[in-house]
């Protein structure tokens, strides 16, 4: 299966409580303030520098905007609909890479955990992948120990298809690999008759 690249421009997506807008350079201060917290980074890959450097957000933003300009990946800033348009988290989507089974990543300000906001953001991005891009599936991953991230996948109807050893900022661990098919997701969207 091949995915069309370059990807189209990142659209604005809205949910009941959120606006997902394209990530922008103006988000650097919010990322630098929110991201370098152990609750956010511990289950991310070892490419994340820890302790997080003072220029970490600016460096990562430059890399993200370059990838976006090449049409390789979508990056959304998660903002609160009734808020001030300030980034409160991030959700990314990319075509299936040849070297791994993983197509979406996210993080959220710990002050907003436990409110279902990440599930809401994930649903909007999944709808875009399946309804607009017509991708046939999404491979998703999380650290086995990261039950909150796994719960987002479970709520979306993803099925665990494997576990693999993986290095995290927190050290060696195991990641769950999930498969969410377009068919299964669309079937879940239809009301029971």
Protein backbone atom coordinates (compact mmCIF):
# COMPACT_ATOMS: atom_id res chain seq x y z
CA UNK A 1 0.00 0.00 0.00
CA UNK A 2 1.40 3.39 -0.93
CA UNK A 3 0.24 6.69 0.44
CA UNK A 4 0.12 9.84 -1.66
CA UNK A 5 3.01 12.18 -0.96
CA UNK A 6 3.34 15.10 -0.90
CA UNK A 7 0.44 15.47 1.48
CA UNK A 8 -2.08 18.30 1.00
CA UNK A 9 -1.89 21.38 3.25
CA UNK A 10 -2.78 20.81 6.89
CA UNK A 11 -6.46 21.72 7.37
CA UNK A 12 -8.08 23.25 10.43
CA UNK A 13 -10.19 20.61 12.22
CA UNK A 14 -12.84 21.43 14.81
CA UNK A 15 -14.47 19.30 17.49
CA UNK A 16 -16.95 20.13 20.22
CA UNK A 17 -14.23 21.54 22.50
CA UNK A 18 -11.13 21.88 20.32
CA UNK A 19 -9.69 23.59 17.31
CA UNK A 20 -6.81 21.74 15.70
CA UNK A 21 -4.90 24.21 13.58
CA UNK A 22 -1.66 23.87 11.65
CA UNK A 23 1.41 24.09 13.88
CA UNK A 24 3.18 27.46 13.47
CA UNK A 25 6.45 29.08 14.55
CA UNK A 26 4.47 31.23 17.02
CA UNK A 27 3.80 28.02 19.01
CA UNK A 28 7.44 27.68 20.10
CA UNK A 29 7.04 29.47 23.48
CA UNK A 30 4.01 27.36 24.45
CA UNK A 31 5.77 24.14 23.44
CA UNK A 32 8.91 25.13 25.38
CA UNK A 33 6.76 25.87 28.45
CA UNK A 34 4.49 22.78 28.35
CA UNK A 35 6.46 19.98 26.65
CA UNK A 36 9.50 19.54 28.95
CA UNK A 37 7.59 17.76 31.71
CA UNK A 38 8.31 14.17 32.66
CA UNK A 39 4.60 13.30 32.31
CA UNK A 40 4.77 14.37 28.65
CA UNK A 41 8.13 13.01 27.51
CA UNK A 42 8.75 9.81 29.46
CA UNK A 43 6.95 7.53 26.96
CA UNK A 44 8.33 9.23 23.84
CA UNK A 45 11.24 7.91 21.79
CA UNK A 46 14.88 8.41 22.72
CA UNK A 47 15.38 11.05 20.01
CA UNK A 48 13.77 13.50 22.47
CA UNK A 49 16.64 15.13 24.37
CA UNK A 50 16.31 14.93 28.13
CA UNK A 51 16.69 17.12 30.04
CA UNK A 52 14.98 19.18 27.37
CA UNK A 53 17.24 22.01 26.18
CA UNK A 54 16.26 25.68 26.20
CA UNK A 55 16.19 25.67 22.39
CA UNK A 56 14.45 22.28 22.12
CA UNK A 57 11.10 23.61 20.95
CA UNK A 58 12.66 25.97 18.40
CA UNK A 59 14.88 23.21 17.01
CA UNK A 60 11.99 20.75 16.76
CA UNK A 61 9.70 23.38 15.24
CA UNK A 62 12.21 24.08 12.46
CA UNK A 63 12.40 20.34 11.70
CA UNK A 64 8.60 19.98 11.72
CA UNK A 65 8.02 22.97 9.47
CA UNK A 66 10.62 21.65 7.00
CA UNK A 67 8.90 18.24 6.88
CA UNK A 68 5.52 19.95 6.50
CA UNK A 69 6.86 22.10 3.64
CA UNK A 70 7.96 18.91 1.86
CA UNK A 71 4.46 17.45 2.41
CA UNK A 72 5.73 14.55 4.51
CA UNK A 73 3.69 14.97 7.69
CA UNK A 74 0.72 16.79 9.23
CA UNK A 75 1.23 18.74 12.46
CA UNK A 76 -1.69 20.19 14.40
CA UNK A 77 -1.60 22.48 17.42
CA UNK A 78 -4.33 21.45 19.84
CA UNK A 79 -6.13 24.55 21.10
CA UNK A 80 -9.21 24.99 23.27
CA UNK A 81 -12.25 26.24 21.36
CA UNK A 82 -13.20 28.64 24.16
CA UNK A 83 -9.57 29.61 24.78
CA UNK A 84 -7.03 32.05 23.42
CA UNK A 85 -5.75 29.98 20.43
CA UNK A 86 -2.63 29.01 22.41
CA UNK A 87 -1.19 25.56 21.79
CA UNK A 88 -2.06 23.12 24.60
CA UNK A 89 -0.75 19.99 22.89
CA UNK A 90 0.10 18.53 19.53
CA UNK A 91 -1.12 15.73 17.30
CA UNK A 92 0.73 14.53 14.19
CA UNK A 93 -0.21 12.24 11.30
CA UNK A 94 2.02 10.74 8.64
CA UNK A 95 1.89 8.08 5.91
CA UNK A 96 3.03 4.58 6.75
CA UNK A 97 6.84 4.59 6.85
CA UNK A 98 8.68 1.61 5.41
CA UNK A 99 10.72 0.99 8.54
CA UNK A 100 8.04 0.87 11.26
CA UNK A 101 4.34 0.51 11.99
CA UNK A 102 3.39 3.91 13.38
CA UNK A 103 1.37 6.73 11.78
CA UNK A 104 0.17 9.12 14.52
CA UNK A 105 1.62 10.70 17.62
CA UNK A 106 0.34 13.13 20.24
CA UNK A 107 0.95 14.85 23.54
CA UNK A 108 -1.17 17.12 25.73
CA UNK A 109 -0.59 19.54 28.58
CA UNK A 110 -0.82 17.44 31.77
CA UNK A 111 -3.19 20.05 33.24
CA UNK A 112 -5.75 18.86 30.65
CA UNK A 113 -5.31 15.11 31.14
CA UNK A 114 -8.31 13.01 32.08
CA UNK A 115 -10.92 15.12 30.26
CA UNK A 116 -11.20 13.10 27.04
CA UNK A 117 -9.61 15.88 24.99
CA UNK A 118 -6.99 13.67 23.38
CA UNK A 119 -9.62 11.15 22.31
CA UNK A 120 -11.55 14.05 20.80
CA UNK A 121 -8.46 15.27 18.92
CA UNK A 122 -7.60 11.73 17.79
CA UNK A 123 -11.13 11.24 16.46
CA UNK A 124 -10.89 14.43 14.38
CA UNK A 125 -7.52 13.43 12.90
CA UNK A 126 -8.72 9.88 12.27
CA UNK A 127 -11.82 11.21 10.49
CA UNK A 128 -9.56 13.30 8.29
CA UNK A 129 -7.33 10.30 7.50
CA UNK A 130 -10.23 8.01 6.67
CA UNK A 131 -12.91 10.34 5.26
CA UNK A 132 -10.81 12.86 3.35
CA UNK A 133 -7.50 11.12 2.60
CA UNK A 134 -9.25 7.73 2.33
CA UNK A 135 -6.35 5.92 3.97
CA UNK A 136 -7.27 2.26 4.52
CA UNK A 137 -5.74 1.94 7.99
CA UNK A 138 -3.67 3.56 10.71
CA UNK A 139 -0.93 1.82 12.66
CA UNK A 140 -0.68 3.33 16.13
CA UNK A 141 1.73 2.70 19.00
CA UNK A 142 2.26 3.48 22.67
CA UNK A 143 4.36 2.28 25.57
CA UNK A 144 2.67 -0.67 27.26
CA UNK A 145 2.90 1.26 30.53
CA UNK A 146 1.14 4.28 29.02
CA UNK A 147 -2.42 3.18 29.72
CA UNK A 148 -3.94 6.59 28.94
CA UNK A 149 -2.56 6.46 25.39
CA UNK A 150 -3.69 2.85 24.98
CA UNK A 151 -7.16 3.84 26.15
CA UNK A 152 -7.43 6.40 23.31
CA UNK A 153 -6.74 3.61 20.83
CA UNK A 154 -9.22 1.26 22.51
CA UNK A 155 -11.95 3.91 22.42
CA UNK A 156 -11.34 4.37 18.70
CA UNK A 157 -11.76 0.66 18.05
CA UNK A 158 -8.12 -0.15 17.30
CA UNK A 159 -6.98 -3.74 17.79
CA UNK A 160 -3.63 -4.63 19.32
CA UNK A 161 -1.62 -6.56 16.72
CA UNK A 162 1.71 -6.90 18.46
CA UNK A 163 4.28 -5.83 20.99
CA UNK A 164 7.88 -4.88 20.34
CA UNK A 165 10.85 -3.84 22.47
CA UNK A 166 11.43 -0.09 22.31
CA UNK A 167 13.64 2.57 23.89
CA UNK A 168 11.89 5.48 25.56
CA UNK A 169 13.14 8.62 27.29
CA UNK A 170 12.31 6.70 30.49
CA UNK A 171 14.45 3.71 29.40
CA UNK A 172 13.88 0.32 27.81
CA UNK A 173 10.33 -0.90 27.53
CA UNK A 174 7.82 -2.49 25.26
CA UNK A 175 5.45 -0.81 22.84
CA UNK A 176 2.00 -1.93 21.81
CA UNK A 177 1.26 -1.85 18.10
CA UNK A 178 -2.37 -1.24 17.14
CA UNK A 179 -4.23 -1.42 13.86
CA UNK A 180 -7.27 0.74 13.21
CA UNK A 181 -8.88 -0.01 9.86
CA UNK A 182 -11.02 2.43 7.95
CA UNK A 183 -13.80 -0.19 7.74
CA UNK A 184 -13.87 -0.78 11.50
CA UNK A 185 -13.77 2.93 12.28
CA UNK A 186 -16.54 3.78 9.81
CA UNK A 187 -18.70 0.93 11.13
CA UNK A 188 -18.33 2.37 14.64
CA UNK A 189 -19.50 5.79 13.40
CA UNK A 190 -22.85 4.47 12.16
CA UNK A 191 -25.66 4.57 14.70
CA UNK A 192 -27.27 1.27 15.60
CA UNK A 193 -30.53 0.86 13.72
